[in-house]
């Protein structure tokens, strides 16, 4: 898993559609096209980031410190 302090940066030149879920499966960031997502208001823990790009889906785990 990738560690994140307050801001999640998605580094890609592609257009992306991103959602962030808590470890309990709650959607905490609804679909956004932003490549810079502010997670500062959420508690520390493990989150799943679902990135949809060009019809493909990538699911990554991050750890908010």
Protein backbone atom coordinates (compact mmCIF):
# COMPACT_ATOMS: atom_id res chain seq x y z
CA UNK A 1 0.00 0.00 0.00
CA UNK A 2 1.06 3.57 -0.69
CA UNK A 3 1.25 5.99 2.24
CA UNK A 4 -0.63 9.31 2.01
CA UNK A 5 -0.51 12.25 4.43
CA UNK A 6 -3.30 14.62 3.40
CA UNK A 7 -3.42 14.70 -0.41
CA UNK A 8 -3.59 11.76 -2.80
CA UNK A 9 -1.90 12.57 -6.12
CA UNK A 10 -2.73 10.41 -9.12
CA UNK A 11 0.08 10.62 -11.62
CA UNK A 12 -1.11 9.90 -15.13
CA UNK A 13 -1.61 11.76 -18.37
CA UNK A 14 -4.90 9.91 -18.92
CA UNK A 15 -8.33 11.19 -17.94
CA UNK A 16 -9.39 9.28 -14.84
CA UNK A 17 -12.56 8.82 -12.80
CA UNK A 18 -11.71 8.07 -9.16
CA UNK A 19 -13.59 6.87 -6.07
CA UNK A 20 -12.20 6.32 -2.58
CA UNK A 21 -13.65 3.76 -0.14
CA UNK A 22 -13.03 3.28 3.57
CA UNK A 23 -11.86 -0.08 4.93
CA UNK A 24 -15.53 -0.79 5.76
CA UNK A 25 -16.53 -0.28 2.13
CA UNK A 26 -18.14 3.14 2.57
CA UNK A 27 -17.76 5.51 -0.37
CA UNK A 28 -15.99 8.59 1.03
CA UNK A 29 -15.02 10.37 -2.20
CA UNK A 30 -17.60 10.08 -4.92
CA UNK A 31 -16.43 9.85 -8.51
CA UNK A 32 -14.12 12.71 -9.30
CA UNK A 33 -11.98 13.57 -12.28
CA UNK A 34 -9.50 15.40 -10.06
CA UNK A 35 -5.98 13.98 -9.95
CA UNK A 36 -5.37 15.62 -6.58
CA UNK A 37 -7.75 14.39 -3.86
CA UNK A 38 -7.81 15.99 -0.40
CA UNK A 39 -8.08 13.30 2.29
CA UNK A 40 -7.14 15.57 5.21
CA UNK A 41 -10.61 15.44 6.80
CA UNK A 42 -10.61 11.65 7.02
CA UNK A 43 -9.04 9.61 9.85
CA UNK A 44 -5.86 7.58 9.51
CA UNK A 45 -6.38 4.09 8.15
CA UNK A 46 -6.48 1.89 5.06
CA UNK A 47 -8.52 2.98 2.05
CA UNK A 48 -9.19 1.60 -1.40
CA UNK A 49 -8.88 3.82 -4.44
CA UNK A 50 -10.78 2.75 -7.54
CA UNK A 51 -9.41 4.38 -10.69
CA UNK A 52 -11.31 4.04 -13.95
CA UNK A 53 -9.39 5.02 -17.09
CA UNK A 54 -10.09 4.20 -20.72
CA UNK A 55 -12.65 1.57 -19.67
CA UNK A 56 -10.17 -0.16 -17.36
CA UNK A 57 -10.38 -0.29 -13.59
CA UNK A 58 -7.45 -0.31 -11.19
CA UNK A 59 -7.94 -0.84 -7.45
CA UNK A 60 -5.15 0.33 -5.16
CA UNK A 61 -4.81 0.28 -1.39
CA UNK A 62 -3.48 3.36 0.37
CA UNK A 63 -2.64 4.06 3.98
CA UNK A 64 -3.64 7.49 5.27
CA UNK A 65 -1.13 8.53 7.92
